[in-house]
C-alpha atoms as a PDB file:
ATOM      1  CA  MET A   1     130.092 140.229 117.320  1.00  0.00           C
ATOM      2  CA  THR A   2     130.835 143.605 115.745  1.00  0.00           C
ATOM      3  CA  SER A   3     128.579 146.497 116.687  1.00  0.00           C
ATOM      4  CA  GLU A   4     126.771 148.513 114.031  1.00  0.00           C
ATOM      5  CA  LEU A   5     126.798 151.548 116.317  1.00  0.00           C
ATOM      6  CA  PRO A   6     129.985 153.514 116.999  1.00  0.00           C
ATOM      7  CA  GLY A   7     130.561 153.595 120.729  1.00  0.00           C
ATOM      8  CA  PHE A   8     128.022 150.833 121.504  1.00  0.00           C
ATOM      9  CA  THR A   9     129.403 148.908 124.484  1.00  0.00           C
ATOM     10  CA  PRO A  10     127.162 146.391 126.259  1.00  0.00           C
ATOM     11  CA  GLU A  11     127.206 147.057 129.987  1.00  0.00           C
ATOM     12  CA  LEU A  12     128.100 143.569 131.171  1.00  0.00           C
ATOM     13  CA  GLU A  13     128.969 144.463 134.753  1.00  0.00           C
ATOM     14  CA  GLY A  14     126.356 144.209 137.487  1.00  0.00           C
ATOM     15  CA  PHE A  15     123.810 146.981 137.886  1.00  0.00           C
ATOM     16  CA  THR A  16     120.560 147.852 139.617  1.00  0.00           C
ATOM     17  CA  ALA A  17     117.747 149.963 138.202  1.00  0.00           C
ATOM     18  CA  GLU A  18     114.943 152.007 139.660  1.00  0.00           C
ATOM     19  CA  LEU A  19     111.973 154.090 138.549  1.00  0.00           C
ATOM     20  CA  PRO A  20     112.128 157.190 140.785  1.00  0.00           C
ATOM     21  CA  GLU A  21     109.113 159.280 141.701  1.00  0.00           C
ATOM     22  CA  GLN A  22     108.321 161.349 138.591  1.00  0.00           C
ATOM     23  CA  GLY A  23     104.597 161.951 138.321  1.00  0.00           C
ATOM     24  CA  GLU A  24     103.191 160.759 134.983  1.00  0.00           C
ATOM     25  CA  PRO A  25     105.719 161.472 132.219  1.00  0.00           C
ATOM     26  CA  LYS A  26     104.876 161.044 128.564  1.00  0.00           C
ATOM     27  CA  ILE A  27     105.033 157.498 127.289  1.00  0.00           C
ATOM     28  CA  GLY A  28     108.614 156.683 126.453  1.00  0.00           C
ATOM     29  CA  GLN A  29     109.988 159.522 128.587  1.00  0.00           C
ATOM     30  CA  GLU A  30     109.886 157.593 131.865  1.00  0.00           C
ATOM     31  CA  LEU A  31     113.071 158.182 133.854  1.00  0.00           C
ATOM     32  CA  ILE A  32     115.207 155.166 134.762  1.00  0.00           C
ATOM     33  CA  VAL A  33     118.145 155.429 137.146  1.00  0.00           C
ATOM     34  CA  VAL A  34     120.846 152.796 136.662  1.00  0.00           C
ATOM     35  CA  ARG A  35     123.511 152.212 139.303  1.00  0.00           C
ATOM     36  CA  ARG A  36     126.473 150.216 138.011  1.00  0.00           C
ATOM     37  CA  GLY A  37     128.555 147.838 140.055  1.00  0.00           C
ATOM     38  CA  ASP A  38     131.431 150.335 140.033  1.00  0.00           C
ATOM     39  CA  GLY A  39     129.235 152.922 141.786  1.00  0.00           C
ATOM     40  CA  THR A  40     128.575 155.194 138.813  1.00  0.00           C
ATOM     41  CA  VAL A  41     125.006 156.331 138.133  1.00  0.00           C
ATOM     42  CA  GLU A  42     123.303 156.981 134.795  1.00  0.00           C
ATOM     43  CA  GLU A  43     119.870 158.434 134.063  1.00  0.00           C
ATOM     44  CA  LEU A  44     118.048 157.052 131.015  1.00  0.00           C
ATOM     45  CA  ARG A  45     114.685 157.541 129.345  1.00  0.00           C
ATOM     46  CA  LEU A  46     112.654 154.459 128.496  1.00  0.00           C
ATOM     47  CA  HIS A  47     112.738 155.021 124.733  1.00  0.00           C
ATOM     48  CA  ASP A  48     116.453 155.787 124.729  1.00  0.00           C
ATOM     49  CA  TYR A  49     116.870 152.342 123.218  1.00  0.00           C
ATOM     50  CA  HIS A  50     120.547 152.672 122.387  1.00  0.00           C
ATOM     51  CA  ARG A  51     121.396 153.037 126.076  1.00  0.00           C
ATOM     52  CA  VAL A  52     118.618 150.872 127.545  1.00  0.00           C
ATOM     53  CA  TYR A  53     119.501 147.881 125.349  1.00  0.00           C
ATOM     54  CA  ALA A  54     123.173 148.223 126.324  1.00  0.00           C
ATOM     55  CA  PHE A  55     122.297 146.851 129.774  1.00  0.00           C
ATOM     56  CA  PRO A  56     121.316 143.164 129.389  1.00  0.00           C
ATOM     57  CA  GLY A  57     117.931 142.578 131.009  1.00  0.00           C
ATOM     58  CA  LEU A  58     117.214 146.239 131.798  1.00  0.00           C
ATOM     59  CA  TYR A  59     114.331 146.568 129.318  1.00  0.00           C
ATOM     60  CA  GLU A  60     112.736 143.374 130.610  1.00  0.00           C
ATOM     61  CA  GLU A  61     113.149 144.427 134.243  1.00  0.00           C
ATOM     62  CA  ILE A  62     111.560 147.853 133.772  1.00  0.00           C
ATOM     63  CA  VAL A  63     108.931 147.283 131.087  1.00  0.00           C
ATOM     64  CA  HIS A  64     107.825 143.736 131.770  1.00  0.00           C
ATOM     65  CA  GLU A  65     108.524 143.126 135.453  1.00  0.00           C
ATOM     66  CA  ARG A  66     107.846 146.543 136.985  1.00  0.00           C
ATOM     67  CA  LEU A  67     105.391 148.064 134.496  1.00  0.00           C
ATOM     68  CA  GLY A  68     103.666 144.754 133.758  1.00  0.00           C
ATOM     69  CA  CYS A  69     103.849 144.743 129.958  1.00  0.00           C
ATOM     70  CA  SER A  70     101.857 141.793 128.587  1.00  0.00           C
ATOM     71  CA  SER A  71     101.717 142.624 124.862  1.00  0.00           C
ATOM     72  CA  PRO A  72     104.220 140.014 123.600  1.00  0.00           C
ATOM     73  CA  GLN A  73     102.199 137.256 125.254  1.00  0.00           C
ATOM     74  CA  GLU A  74      98.834 138.738 124.250  1.00  0.00           C
ATOM     75  CA  ILE A  75      99.723 139.107 120.570  1.00  0.00           C
ATOM     76  CA  SER A  76     101.381 135.679 120.421  1.00  0.00           C
ATOM     77  CA  SER A  77      98.375 134.070 122.095  1.00  0.00           C
ATOM     78  CA  MET A  78      95.968 135.710 119.646  1.00  0.00           C
ATOM     79  CA  LEU A  79      98.073 134.492 116.750  1.00  0.00           C
ATOM     80  CA  GLY A  80      98.150 130.977 118.144  1.00  0.00           C
ATOM     81  CA  LEU A  81      94.361 130.895 118.416  1.00  0.00           C
ATOM     82  CA  ALA A  82      93.959 132.282 114.882  1.00  0.00           C
ATOM     83  CA  ILE A  83      96.398 129.708 113.491  1.00  0.00           C
ATOM     84  CA  ASP A  84      94.552 126.893 115.256  1.00  0.00           C
ATOM     85  CA  GLY A  85      91.237 128.230 113.945  1.00  0.00           C
ATOM     86  CA  LEU A  86      92.507 127.970 110.375  1.00  0.00           C
ATOM     87  CA  GLY A  87      93.723 124.438 110.955  1.00  0.00           C
ATOM     88  CA  TRP A  88      97.329 125.444 110.313  1.00  0.00           C
ATOM     89  CA  ASP A  89     100.134 123.538 112.035  1.00  0.00           C
ATOM     90  CA  ARG A  90     101.824 125.837 114.553  1.00  0.00           C
ATOM     91  CA  THR A  91     105.148 124.086 114.066  1.00  0.00           C
ATOM     92  CA  ARG A  92     105.115 124.814 110.324  1.00  0.00           C
ATOM     93  CA  VAL A  93     104.282 128.530 110.320  1.00  0.00           C
ATOM     94  CA  ARG A  94     107.102 130.987 109.706  1.00  0.00           C
ATOM     95  CA  VAL A  95     106.794 134.271 111.573  1.00  0.00           C
ATOM     96  CA  PHE A  96     108.150 137.673 110.562  1.00  0.00           C
ATOM     97  CA  ASP A  97     108.563 139.589 113.836  1.00  0.00           C
ATOM     98  CA  ALA A  98     108.433 143.298 112.939  1.00  0.00           C
ATOM     99  CA  ALA A  99     109.493 145.910 115.512  1.00  0.00           C
ATOM    100  CA  ALA A 100     111.231 142.982 117.196  1.00  0.00           C
ATOM    101  CA  GLY A 101     113.310 144.993 119.645  1.00  0.00           C
ATOM    102  CA  ASN A 102     115.640 142.861 121.739  1.00  0.00           C
ATOM    103  CA  GLY A 103     113.721 139.673 120.997  1.00  0.00           C
ATOM    104  CA  VAL A 104     111.187 139.609 123.844  1.00  0.00           C
ATOM    105  CA  SER A 105     108.394 139.370 121.255  1.00  0.00           C
ATOM    106  CA  GLY A 106     110.164 136.546 119.424  1.00  0.00           C
ATOM    107  CA  GLU A 107     110.602 134.690 122.688  1.00  0.00           C
ATOM    108  CA  ALA A 108     106.846 134.934 123.323  1.00  0.00           C
ATOM    109  CA  LEU A 109     106.162 133.578 119.821  1.00  0.00           C
ATOM    110  CA  ALA A 110     108.467 130.625 120.455  1.00  0.00           C
ATOM    111  CA  ALA A 111     106.686 129.942 123.763  1.00  0.00           C
ATOM    112  CA  GLU A 112     103.457 129.555 121.743  1.00  0.00           C
ATOM    113  CA  GLY A 113     105.138 126.999 119.503  1.00  0.00           C
ATOM    114  CA  LEU A 114     105.576 129.503 116.656  1.00  0.00           C
ATOM    115  CA  ARG A 115     108.860 129.893 114.789  1.00  0.00           C
ATOM    116  CA  PRO A 116     110.184 133.470 114.434  1.00  0.00           C
ATOM    117  CA  VAL A 117     112.320 133.193 111.298  1.00  0.00           C
ATOM    118  CA  LEU A 118     112.914 136.931 110.893  1.00  0.00           C
ATOM    119  CA  GLY A 119     113.309 139.801 113.316  1.00  0.00           C
ATOM    120  CA  LEU A 120     113.380 143.388 112.067  1.00  0.00           C
ATOM    121  CA  ASP A 121     113.740 146.700 113.842  1.00  0.00           C
ATOM    122  CA  LEU A 122     114.630 150.255 112.865  1.00  0.00           C
ATOM    123  CA  VAL A 123     116.998 150.636 115.838  1.00  0.00           C
ATOM    124  CA  PRO A 124     120.484 149.126 115.345  1.00  0.00           C
ATOM    125  CA  ALA A 125     120.894 148.571 119.096  1.00  0.00           C
ATOM    126  CA  ALA A 126     117.866 146.257 119.032  1.00  0.00           C
ATOM    127  CA  ARG A 127     119.640 143.810 116.747  1.00  0.00           C
ATOM    128  CA  GLU A 128     122.752 143.964 118.920  1.00  0.00           C
ATOM    129  CA  ALA A 129     120.722 143.137 122.012  1.00  0.00           C
ATOM    130  CA  ALA A 130     118.722 140.351 120.368  1.00  0.00           C
ATOM    131  CA  LEU A 131     121.833 138.595 119.061  1.00  0.00           C
ATOM    132  CA  ARG A 132     123.564 139.027 122.403  1.00  0.00           C
ATOM    133  CA  ASP A 133     120.728 137.983 124.708  1.00  0.00           C
ATOM    134  CA  ARG A 134     118.797 135.495 122.544  1.00  0.00           C
ATOM    135  CA  PRO A 135     121.254 133.925 120.124  1.00  0.00           C
ATOM    136  CA  GLY A 136     119.649 131.530 117.662  1.00  0.00           C
ATOM    137  CA  LEU A 137     116.103 132.770 118.230  1.00  0.00           C
ATOM    138  CA  TYR A 138     115.791 134.177 114.696  1.00  0.00           C
ATOM    139  CA  GLU A 139     117.143 132.788 111.436  1.00  0.00           C
ATOM    140  CA  LYS A 140     117.763 136.376 110.323  1.00  0.00           C
ATOM    141  CA  TYR A 141     117.612 139.772 112.000  1.00  0.00           C
ATOM    142  CA  LEU A 142     117.575 142.933 109.899  1.00  0.00           C
ATOM    143  CA  THR A 143     118.076 146.553 110.882  1.00  0.00           C
ATOM    144  CA  ALA A 144     115.843 148.246 108.344  1.00  0.00           C
ATOM    145  CA  ASP A 145     112.977 150.612 107.573  1.00  0.00           C
ATOM    146  CA  LEU A 146     110.109 148.704 105.950  1.00  0.00           C
ATOM    147  CA  LEU A 147     109.356 151.741 103.789  1.00  0.00           C
ATOM    148  CA  ALA A 148     112.952 152.081 102.575  1.00  0.00           C
ATOM    149  CA  LEU A 149     114.220 148.532 102.088  1.00  0.00           C
ATOM    150  CA  SER A 150     117.198 147.836  99.886  1.00  0.00           C
ATOM    151  CA  VAL A 151     116.982 145.312  97.058  1.00  0.00           C
ATOM    152  CA  ALA A 152     119.037 142.879  99.148  1.00  0.00           C
ATOM    153  CA  GLN A 153     116.783 143.303 102.196  1.00  0.00           C
ATOM    154  CA  ARG A 154     113.671 142.705 100.116  1.00  0.00           C
ATOM    155  CA  GLY A 155     115.261 139.560  98.721  1.00  0.00           C
ATOM    156  CA  THR A 156     116.132 138.310 102.195  1.00  0.00           C
ATOM    157  CA  ILE A 157     112.557 138.765 103.403  1.00  0.00           C
ATOM    158  CA  ARG A 158     111.031 137.091 100.349  1.00  0.00           C
ATOM    159  CA  ALA A 159     113.400 134.122 100.572  1.00  0.00           C
ATOM    160  CA  LEU A 160     112.268 133.305 104.116  1.00  0.00           C
ATOM    161  CA  GLY A 161     108.704 132.596 102.963  1.00  0.00           C
ATOM    162  CA  ALA A 162     107.066 133.870 106.160  1.00  0.00           C
ATOM    163  CA  ASN A 163     103.288 133.449 106.394  1.00  0.00           C
ATOM    164  CA  VAL A 164     102.644 135.155 109.743  1.00  0.00           C
ATOM    165  CA  LEU A 165     103.457 138.771 110.581  1.00  0.00           C
ATOM    166  CA  SER A 166     103.663 139.780 114.242  1.00  0.00           C
ATOM    167  CA  CYS A 167     104.095 143.410 115.257  1.00  0.00           C
ATOM    168  CA  VAL A 168     104.172 144.011 119.017  1.00  0.00           C
ATOM    169  CA  ALA A 169     103.962 147.759 118.512  1.00  0.00           C
ATOM    170  CA  PRO A 170     101.115 150.194 117.862  1.00  0.00           C
ATOM    171  CA  VAL A 171     100.318 150.731 114.191  1.00  0.00           C
ATOM    172  CA  GLY A 172      99.022 154.172 113.240  1.00  0.00           C
ATOM    173  CA  GLU A 173      99.703 157.612 111.850  1.00  0.00           C
ATOM    174  CA  HIS A 174     101.083 159.172 115.040  1.00  0.00           C
ATOM    175  CA  SER A 175     104.753 159.631 115.869  1.00  0.00           C
ATOM    176  CA  GLN A 176     106.527 156.542 117.241  1.00  0.00           C
ATOM    177  CA  GLN A 177     103.883 154.277 115.707  1.00  0.00           C
ATOM    178  CA  LEU A 178     104.532 151.926 112.812  1.00  0.00           C
ATOM    179  CA  PRO A 179     102.919 153.405 109.673  1.00  0.00           C
ATOM    180  CA  PRO A 180     100.123 151.219 108.246  1.00  0.00           C
ATOM    181  CA  ALA A 181     101.888 151.306 104.870  1.00  0.00           C
ATOM    182  CA  ALA A 182     104.901 149.621 106.495  1.00  0.00           C
ATOM    183  CA  LEU A 183     102.686 146.774 107.641  1.00  0.00           C
ATOM    184  CA  ALA A 184     101.372 146.336 104.093  1.00  0.00           C
ATOM    185  CA  ALA A 185     104.895 146.553 102.669  1.00  0.00           C
ATOM    186  CA  ALA A 186     105.929 143.625 104.851  1.00  0.00           C
ATOM    187  CA  VAL A 187     102.923 141.548 103.788  1.00  0.00           C
ATOM    188  CA  GLY A 188     103.745 142.210 100.137  1.00  0.00           C
ATOM    189  CA  LEU A 189     107.060 140.375 100.627  1.00  0.00           C
ATOM    190  CA  MET A 190     105.532 137.350 102.359  1.00  0.00           C
ATOM    191  CA  ALA A 191     103.529 134.290 101.344  1.00  0.00           C
ATOM    192  CA  PRO A 192     100.240 134.828  99.431  1.00  0.00           C
ATOM    193  CA  ASP A 193      98.142 133.843 102.477  1.00  0.00           C
ATOM    194  CA  VAL A 194      99.235 135.664 105.639  1.00  0.00           C
ATOM    195  CA  LEU A 195      98.014 136.211 109.185  1.00  0.00           C
ATOM    196  CA  VAL A 196      98.888 139.685 110.508  1.00  0.00           C
ATOM    197  CA  ALA A 197      98.788 140.643 114.191  1.00  0.00           C
ATOM    198  CA  PHE A 198      99.506 144.091 115.616  1.00  0.00           C
ATOM    199  CA  MET A 199      98.484 146.605 118.280  1.00  0.00           C
ATOM    200  CA  HIS A 200      96.091 149.540 117.960  1.00  0.00           C
ATOM    201  CA  ASP A 201      96.149 152.297 120.577  1.00  0.00           C
ATOM    202  CA  PRO A 202      92.526 153.199 121.399  1.00  0.00           C
ATOM    203  CA  SER A 203      93.551 156.265 123.433  1.00  0.00           C
ATOM    204  CA  PHE A 204      93.765 158.306 120.231  1.00  0.00           C
ATOM    205  CA  ALA A 205      90.512 159.716 118.896  1.00  0.00           C
ATOM    206  CA  THR A 206      91.243 158.454 115.381  1.00  0.00           C
ATOM    207  CA  PRO A 207      89.950 155.006 114.364  1.00  0.00           C
ATOM    208  CA  ASP A 208      92.201 152.091 113.527  1.00  0.00           C
ATOM    209  CA  PRO A 209      93.726 152.968 110.120  1.00  0.00           C
ATOM    210  CA  VAL A 210      94.151 149.313 109.164  1.00  0.00           C
ATOM    211  CA  THR A 211      91.058 148.607 107.061  1.00  0.00           C
ATOM    212  CA  PRO A 212      90.180 146.457 104.024  1.00  0.00           C
ATOM    213  CA  GLU A 213      90.834 149.570 101.934  1.00  0.00           C
ATOM    214  CA  LEU A 214      94.397 149.765 103.271  1.00  0.00           C
ATOM    215  CA  TRP A 215      95.163 146.237 102.122  1.00  0.00           C
ATOM    216  CA  THR A 216      93.594 146.605  98.689  1.00  0.00           C
ATOM    217  CA  GLY A 217      95.088 150.057  98.181  1.00  0.00           C
ATOM    218  CA  GLN A 218      98.604 148.920  99.078  1.00  0.00           C
ATOM    219  CA  LEU A 219      98.581 145.362  97.710  1.00  0.00           C
ATOM    220  CA  GLY A 220      96.152 145.486  94.785  1.00  0.00           C
ATOM    221  CA  SER A 221      92.428 145.234  94.155  1.00  0.00           C
ATOM    222  CA  GLY A 222      92.556 141.438  94.071  1.00  0.00           C
ATOM    223  CA  THR A 223      93.609 141.296  97.721  1.00  0.00           C
ATOM    224  CA  GLY A 224      91.205 139.663 100.151  1.00  0.00           C
ATOM    225  CA  ALA A 225      91.339 140.848 103.764  1.00  0.00           C
ATOM    226  CA  GLU A 226      89.344 139.553 106.719  1.00  0.00           C
ATOM    227  CA  LEU A 227      89.400 140.825 110.293  1.00  0.00           C
ATOM    228  CA  VAL A 228      89.856 137.670 112.355  1.00  0.00           C
ATOM    229  CA  GLN A 229      90.100 138.932 115.919  1.00  0.00           C
ATOM    230  CA  ARG A 230      90.180 142.103 118.016  1.00  0.00           C
ATOM    231  CA  ARG A 231      90.675 142.100 121.773  1.00  0.00           C
ATOM    232  CA  ARG A 232      91.281 144.900 124.276  1.00  0.00           C
ATOM    233  CA  TYR A 233      93.695 144.244 127.108  1.00  0.00           C
ATOM    234  CA  VAL A 234      96.011 146.053 129.528  1.00  0.00           C
ATOM    235  CA  HIS A 235      99.250 146.594 127.642  1.00  0.00           C
ATOM    236  CA  ARG A 236     101.130 147.804 130.733  1.00  0.00           C
ATOM    237  CA  TYR A 237     100.888 150.298 133.585  1.00  0.00           C
ATOM    238  CA  THR A 238     102.283 153.813 133.876  1.00  0.00           C
ATOM    239  CA  VAL A 239     104.811 154.647 136.571  1.00  0.00           C
ATOM    240  CA  GLY A 240     101.851 156.045 138.523  1.00  0.00           C
ATOM    241  CA  GLY A 241      99.954 152.762 138.284  1.00  0.00           C
ATOM    242  CA  GLU A 242      97.402 153.699 135.614  1.00  0.00           C
ATOM    243  CA  PRO A 243      96.532 150.971 133.096  1.00  0.00           C
ATOM    244  CA  LEU A 244      97.438 151.571 129.443  1.00  0.00           C
ATOM    245  CA  LYS A 245      95.089 149.605 127.224  1.00  0.00           C
ATOM    246  CA  MET A 246      95.634 148.390 123.686  1.00  0.00           C
ATOM    247  CA  ASP A 247      93.639 146.488 121.104  1.00  0.00           C
ATOM    248  CA  GLY A 248      95.252 143.335 119.782  1.00  0.00           C
ATOM    249  CA  VAL A 249      94.190 142.903 116.148  1.00  0.00           C
ATOM    250  CA  VAL A 250      94.549 139.945 113.769  1.00  0.00           C
ATOM    251  CA  TRP A 251      93.846 140.044 110.028  1.00  0.00           C
ATOM    252  CA  ARG A 252      94.028 137.376 107.348  1.00  0.00           C
ATOM    253  CA  VAL A 253      95.322 138.840 104.084  1.00  0.00           C
ATOM    254  CA  ARG A 254      95.291 136.824 100.857  1.00  0.00           C
ATOM    255  CA  ARG A 255      96.883 138.064  97.643  1.00  0.00           C
ATOM    256  CA  VAL A 256      96.200 136.748  94.154  1.00  0.00           C
END
């Protein structure tokens, strides 16, 4: 496998990781100390994805095991219930996994009996990690910006015929959130009848920007959009043990 990042070298030797005492840093700025098998030490920040993903299993160990992240399972479970409620066959749905990271979200979809046919992430190191750690999970994995897709990338997405969109990431107008327009752009390249699941961060004072007006404004006035499900849950914990809550949201969007 050829890396898309100059200097990207997966750290395949043994290592240990710790979250040192650090108060309550900003989300994504949590300090991680990695000690390699050769005795060298490296300090990383949680959202330094290029370096974090270079260590196989490091993201899972810190975010899911130690900080208790449950969002991949929560979003996949909500999608499964929505699919069952529509009478769709779980084994026949085709899922577009946006903000797929290293494939943890796709793995949770597969555990629910859902088929993740496409993974997409803005970070090149995410694709590297997903192909390395979870080979065969996705039919395709793209490194792309949903608001700046090439003609070839748009064709690839359309050809897969996905009818479920999963985004295990907050959608909103703040930095490091997926823009709502990106969510709509993905739906516009999918089947005419789509289930869309994503996260909304209720800690911001602004309301959820994903509304019926978003769908009609981005996809056309003939678009029908129905809020299927909304559920608040503990996304994960801070390094100080405080719960971070999110809303899991599922829409059904139908285009003429």
